[in-house]
Amino acid sequence: MKRILRGKVVSDKADKTITVLVERTKRHPLYRKNYRVSTKFLVHDEKNEFKIGDVVEITESRPLSAKKRWTVVKKITTKELT
C-alpha cells in the first residue's frame, strides 16, 4: 500500500519538479505536549501545472531521480479541505 500525503507547494522553480511541505503533529513522549514536525518532499509534476501555494495530494512512486520519489495525485480544492 502506497502512502498518500497532503501538503502545500513551496517551490516550483525546477522543471517537472515541485517541493511540497508536509506538516504533521507529534506528541512528546515524556512531556505529552503536541508539536508540529514538517518535512519537504521533491515531487514529480509532469505538466508543470502546480504553483506555489497549491495544496496537493502526493503518493509514493519508484525513484525518479536521486531525491525524487513522489508523484502528484491531485490538487485539493478548498471544499475538500474541510
N, C-alpha and C. Protein backbone atom coordinates (compact mmCIF):
# COMPACT_ATOMS: atom_id res chain seq x y z
N MET A 1 0.84 -1.18 0.00
CA MET A 1 0.00 0.00 0.00
C MET A 1 0.89 1.24 0.00
N LYS A 2 0.68 2.10 -0.97
CA LYS A 2 1.48 3.32 -1.06
C LYS A 2 0.91 4.39 -0.16
N ARG A 3 1.81 5.15 0.46
CA ARG A 3 1.37 6.25 1.32
C ARG A 3 0.84 7.40 0.48
N ILE A 4 -0.17 8.09 1.01
CA ILE A 4 -0.71 9.29 0.39
C ILE A 4 -0.64 10.40 1.43
N LEU A 5 -0.02 11.52 1.07
CA LEU A 5 0.16 12.64 1.98
C LEU A 5 -0.42 13.91 1.37
N ARG A 6 -0.79 14.87 2.23
CA ARG A 6 -1.24 16.18 1.78
C ARG A 6 -0.22 17.22 2.20
N GLY A 7 0.02 18.17 1.32
CA GLY A 7 0.96 19.23 1.65
C GLY A 7 0.77 20.44 0.77
N LYS A 8 1.57 21.45 1.07
CA LYS A 8 1.49 22.72 0.35
C LYS A 8 2.73 22.89 -0.52
N VAL A 9 2.53 23.36 -1.75
CA VAL A 9 3.65 23.59 -2.67
C VAL A 9 4.39 24.84 -2.22
N VAL A 10 5.69 24.70 -1.95
CA VAL A 10 6.50 25.84 -1.51
C VAL A 10 7.51 26.28 -2.57
N SER A 11 7.72 25.46 -3.61
CA SER A 11 8.64 25.85 -4.68
C SER A 11 8.24 25.13 -5.97
N ASP A 12 8.32 25.86 -7.09
CA ASP A 12 8.05 25.25 -8.41
C ASP A 12 9.10 25.69 -9.42
N LYS A 13 10.28 26.01 -8.95
CA LYS A 13 11.32 26.55 -9.82
C LYS A 13 11.93 25.50 -10.77
N ALA A 14 12.06 24.26 -10.31
CA ALA A 14 12.68 23.22 -11.13
C ALA A 14 11.70 22.73 -12.20
N ASP A 15 12.23 22.24 -13.31
CA ASP A 15 11.41 21.73 -14.40
C ASP A 15 10.85 20.36 -14.02
N LYS A 16 9.52 20.21 -14.11
CA LYS A 16 8.81 18.97 -13.81
C LYS A 16 8.97 18.50 -12.36
N THR A 17 9.33 19.42 -11.47
CA THR A 17 9.51 19.08 -10.06
C THR A 17 8.95 20.21 -9.20
N ILE A 18 8.23 19.82 -8.14
CA ILE A 18 7.78 20.79 -7.15
C ILE A 18 8.26 20.34 -5.78
N THR A 19 8.38 21.28 -4.86
CA THR A 19 8.73 20.96 -3.48
C THR A 19 7.47 21.12 -2.65
N VAL A 20 7.11 20.05 -1.91
CA VAL A 20 5.89 20.05 -1.12
C VAL A 20 6.25 19.95 0.35
N LEU A 21 5.68 20.85 1.17
CA LEU A 21 5.89 20.86 2.60
C LEU A 21 4.72 20.13 3.27
N VAL A 22 5.03 19.04 3.98
CA VAL A 22 4.01 18.26 4.68
C VAL A 22 4.23 18.45 6.18
N GLU A 23 3.17 18.89 6.88
CA GLU A 23 3.25 19.09 8.32
C GLU A 23 2.40 18.04 9.02
N ARG A 24 2.89 17.56 10.15
CA ARG A 24 2.13 16.62 10.96
C ARG A 24 2.40 16.93 12.42
N THR A 25 1.55 16.43 13.31
CA THR A 25 1.73 16.68 14.73
C THR A 25 2.21 15.42 15.42
N LYS A 26 3.06 15.61 16.41
CA LYS A 26 3.57 14.51 17.22
C LYS A 26 3.36 14.89 18.69
N ARG A 27 3.38 13.88 19.53
CA ARG A 27 3.25 14.12 20.97
C ARG A 27 4.58 13.74 21.62
N HIS A 28 5.10 14.63 22.45
CA HIS A 28 6.36 14.37 23.13
C HIS A 28 6.16 13.20 24.10
N PRO A 29 7.07 12.21 24.09
CA PRO A 29 6.86 11.02 24.90
C PRO A 29 6.87 11.26 26.41
N LEU A 30 7.65 12.23 26.88
CA LEU A 30 7.72 12.48 28.31
C LEU A 30 6.77 13.59 28.76
N TYR A 31 6.79 14.72 28.03
CA TYR A 31 6.03 15.89 28.47
C TYR A 31 4.60 15.93 27.92
N ARG A 32 4.27 15.04 26.99
CA ARG A 32 2.91 14.92 26.45
C ARG A 32 2.41 16.17 25.73
N LYS A 33 3.30 17.02 25.30
CA LYS A 33 2.90 18.21 24.57
C LYS A 33 2.91 17.90 23.07
N ASN A 34 1.89 18.39 22.35
CA ASN A 34 1.85 18.23 20.90
C ASN A 34 2.72 19.30 20.25
N TYR A 35 3.43 18.88 19.21
CA TYR A 35 4.25 19.83 18.45
C TYR A 35 4.23 19.44 16.99
N ARG A 36 4.53 20.42 16.13
CA ARG A 36 4.49 20.19 14.69
C ARG A 36 5.86 19.79 14.15
N VAL A 37 5.83 18.86 13.21
CA VAL A 37 7.03 18.43 12.50
C VAL A 37 6.75 18.63 11.01
N SER A 38 7.68 19.26 10.31
CA SER A 38 7.48 19.48 8.88
C SER A 38 8.59 18.80 8.09
N THR A 39 8.21 18.29 6.91
CA THR A 39 9.14 17.60 6.02
C THR A 39 8.90 18.09 4.60
N LYS A 40 9.98 18.31 3.86
CA LYS A 40 9.86 18.72 2.46
C LYS A 40 10.15 17.52 1.56
N PHE A 41 9.30 17.32 0.55
CA PHE A 41 9.46 16.25 -0.42
C PHE A 41 9.62 16.84 -1.81
N LEU A 42 10.50 16.26 -2.62
CA LEU A 42 10.59 16.61 -4.03
C LEU A 42 9.60 15.71 -4.77
N VAL A 43 8.70 16.34 -5.54
CA VAL A 43 7.57 15.63 -6.15
C VAL A 43 7.58 15.86 -7.65
N HIS A 44 7.31 14.79 -8.40
CA HIS A 44 7.27 14.85 -9.87
C HIS A 44 5.97 15.50 -10.33
N ASP A 45 6.08 16.52 -11.17
CA ASP A 45 4.94 17.23 -11.74
C ASP A 45 5.14 17.27 -13.25
N GLU A 46 4.62 16.27 -13.96
CA GLU A 46 4.91 16.07 -15.38
C GLU A 46 4.57 17.28 -16.25
N LYS A 47 3.45 17.94 -15.99
CA LYS A 47 2.99 19.02 -16.87
C LYS A 47 3.28 20.41 -16.33
N ASN A 48 4.03 20.53 -15.25
CA ASN A 48 4.33 21.82 -14.63
C ASN A 48 3.05 22.62 -14.35
N GLU A 49 2.01 21.95 -13.83
CA GLU A 49 0.72 22.61 -13.64
C GLU A 49 0.48 23.15 -12.24
N PHE A 50 1.30 22.79 -11.25
CA PHE A 50 1.07 23.22 -9.87
C PHE A 50 1.97 24.39 -9.53
N LYS A 51 1.42 25.36 -8.81
CA LYS A 51 2.13 26.59 -8.48
C LYS A 51 2.28 26.73 -6.97
N ILE A 52 3.08 27.68 -6.53
CA ILE A 52 3.31 27.92 -5.10
C ILE A 52 1.98 28.28 -4.44
N GLY A 53 1.73 27.66 -3.30
CA GLY A 53 0.51 27.90 -2.55
C GLY A 53 -0.57 26.86 -2.76
N ASP A 54 -0.48 26.04 -3.81
CA ASP A 54 -1.46 24.99 -4.04
C ASP A 54 -1.34 23.91 -2.97
N VAL A 55 -2.47 23.37 -2.56
CA VAL A 55 -2.48 22.23 -1.65
C VAL A 55 -2.70 20.99 -2.50
N VAL A 56 -1.78 20.02 -2.40
CA VAL A 56 -1.81 18.85 -3.27
C VAL A 56 -1.75 17.56 -2.46
N GLU A 57 -2.16 16.48 -3.12
CA GLU A 57 -2.07 15.15 -2.55
C GLU A 57 -0.97 14.43 -3.33
N ILE A 58 -0.03 13.80 -2.60
CA ILE A 58 1.10 13.13 -3.25
C ILE A 58 1.13 11.67 -2.83
N THR A 59 1.73 10.83 -3.69
CA THR A 59 1.84 9.42 -3.38
C THR A 59 3.24 8.93 -3.71
N GLU A 60 3.63 7.85 -3.07
CA GLU A 60 4.96 7.27 -3.30
C GLU A 60 5.04 6.68 -4.71
N SER A 61 6.25 6.67 -5.26
CA SER A 61 6.47 6.05 -6.57
C SER A 61 7.89 5.50 -6.61
N ARG A 62 8.22 4.96 -7.75
CA ARG A 62 9.59 4.47 -7.92
C ARG A 62 10.54 5.66 -7.92
N PRO A 63 11.83 5.43 -7.67
CA PRO A 63 12.79 6.56 -7.73
C PRO A 63 12.85 7.17 -9.13
N LEU A 64 12.60 8.46 -9.20
CA LEU A 64 12.62 9.17 -10.48
C LEU A 64 13.91 9.94 -10.68
N SER A 65 14.61 10.24 -9.59
CA SER A 65 15.92 10.87 -9.64
C SER A 65 16.60 10.57 -8.31
N ALA A 66 17.69 11.25 -8.03
CA ALA A 66 18.44 10.97 -6.80
C ALA A 66 17.62 11.24 -5.55
N LYS A 67 16.76 12.27 -5.57
CA LYS A 67 15.98 12.63 -4.38
C LYS A 67 14.48 12.58 -4.59
N LYS A 68 14.02 12.35 -5.81
CA LYS A 68 12.60 12.44 -6.13
C LYS A 68 11.96 11.05 -6.15
N ARG A 69 11.03 10.81 -5.17
CA ARG A 69 10.37 9.52 -5.05
C ARG A 69 8.87 9.64 -4.86
N TRP A 70 8.30 10.79 -5.21
CA TRP A 70 6.88 11.04 -5.02
C TRP A 70 6.29 11.63 -6.30
N THR A 71 4.99 11.39 -6.55
CA THR A 71 4.29 11.99 -7.67
C THR A 71 2.99 12.63 -7.17
N VAL A 72 2.50 13.61 -7.92
CA VAL A 72 1.28 14.31 -7.54
C VAL A 72 0.08 13.48 -7.96
N VAL A 73 -0.88 13.33 -7.04
CA VAL A 73 -2.13 12.64 -7.37
C VAL A 73 -3.15 13.65 -7.88
N LYS A 74 -3.40 14.72 -7.09
CA LYS A 74 -4.37 15.73 -7.49
C LYS A 74 -4.20 16.98 -6.66
N LYS A 75 -4.84 18.05 -7.13
CA LYS A 75 -4.88 19.31 -6.39
C LYS A 75 -6.10 19.27 -5.49
N ILE A 76 -5.93 19.71 -4.25
CA ILE A 76 -7.02 19.72 -3.29
C ILE A 76 -7.69 21.09 -3.35
N THR A 77 -9.01 21.11 -3.52
CA THR A 77 -9.75 22.37 -3.53
C THR A 77 -10.10 22.74 -2.09
N THR A 78 -10.57 23.95 -1.89
CA THR A 78 -10.91 24.41 -0.55
C THR A 78 -12.10 23.63 0.02
N LYS A 79 -12.98 23.12 -0.82
CA LYS A 79 -14.12 22.33 -0.35
C LYS A 79 -13.66 21.01 0.26
N GLU A 80 -12.62 20.41 -0.30
CA GLU A 80 -12.13 19.11 0.17
C GLU A 80 -11.32 19.24 1.45
N LEU A 81 -10.84 20.44 1.79
CA LEU A 81 -10.02 20.62 2.99
C LEU A 81 -10.84 20.49 4.28
N THR A 82 -12.11 20.83 4.24
CA THR A 82 -12.93 20.79 5.45
C THR A 82 -13.44 19.41 5.78
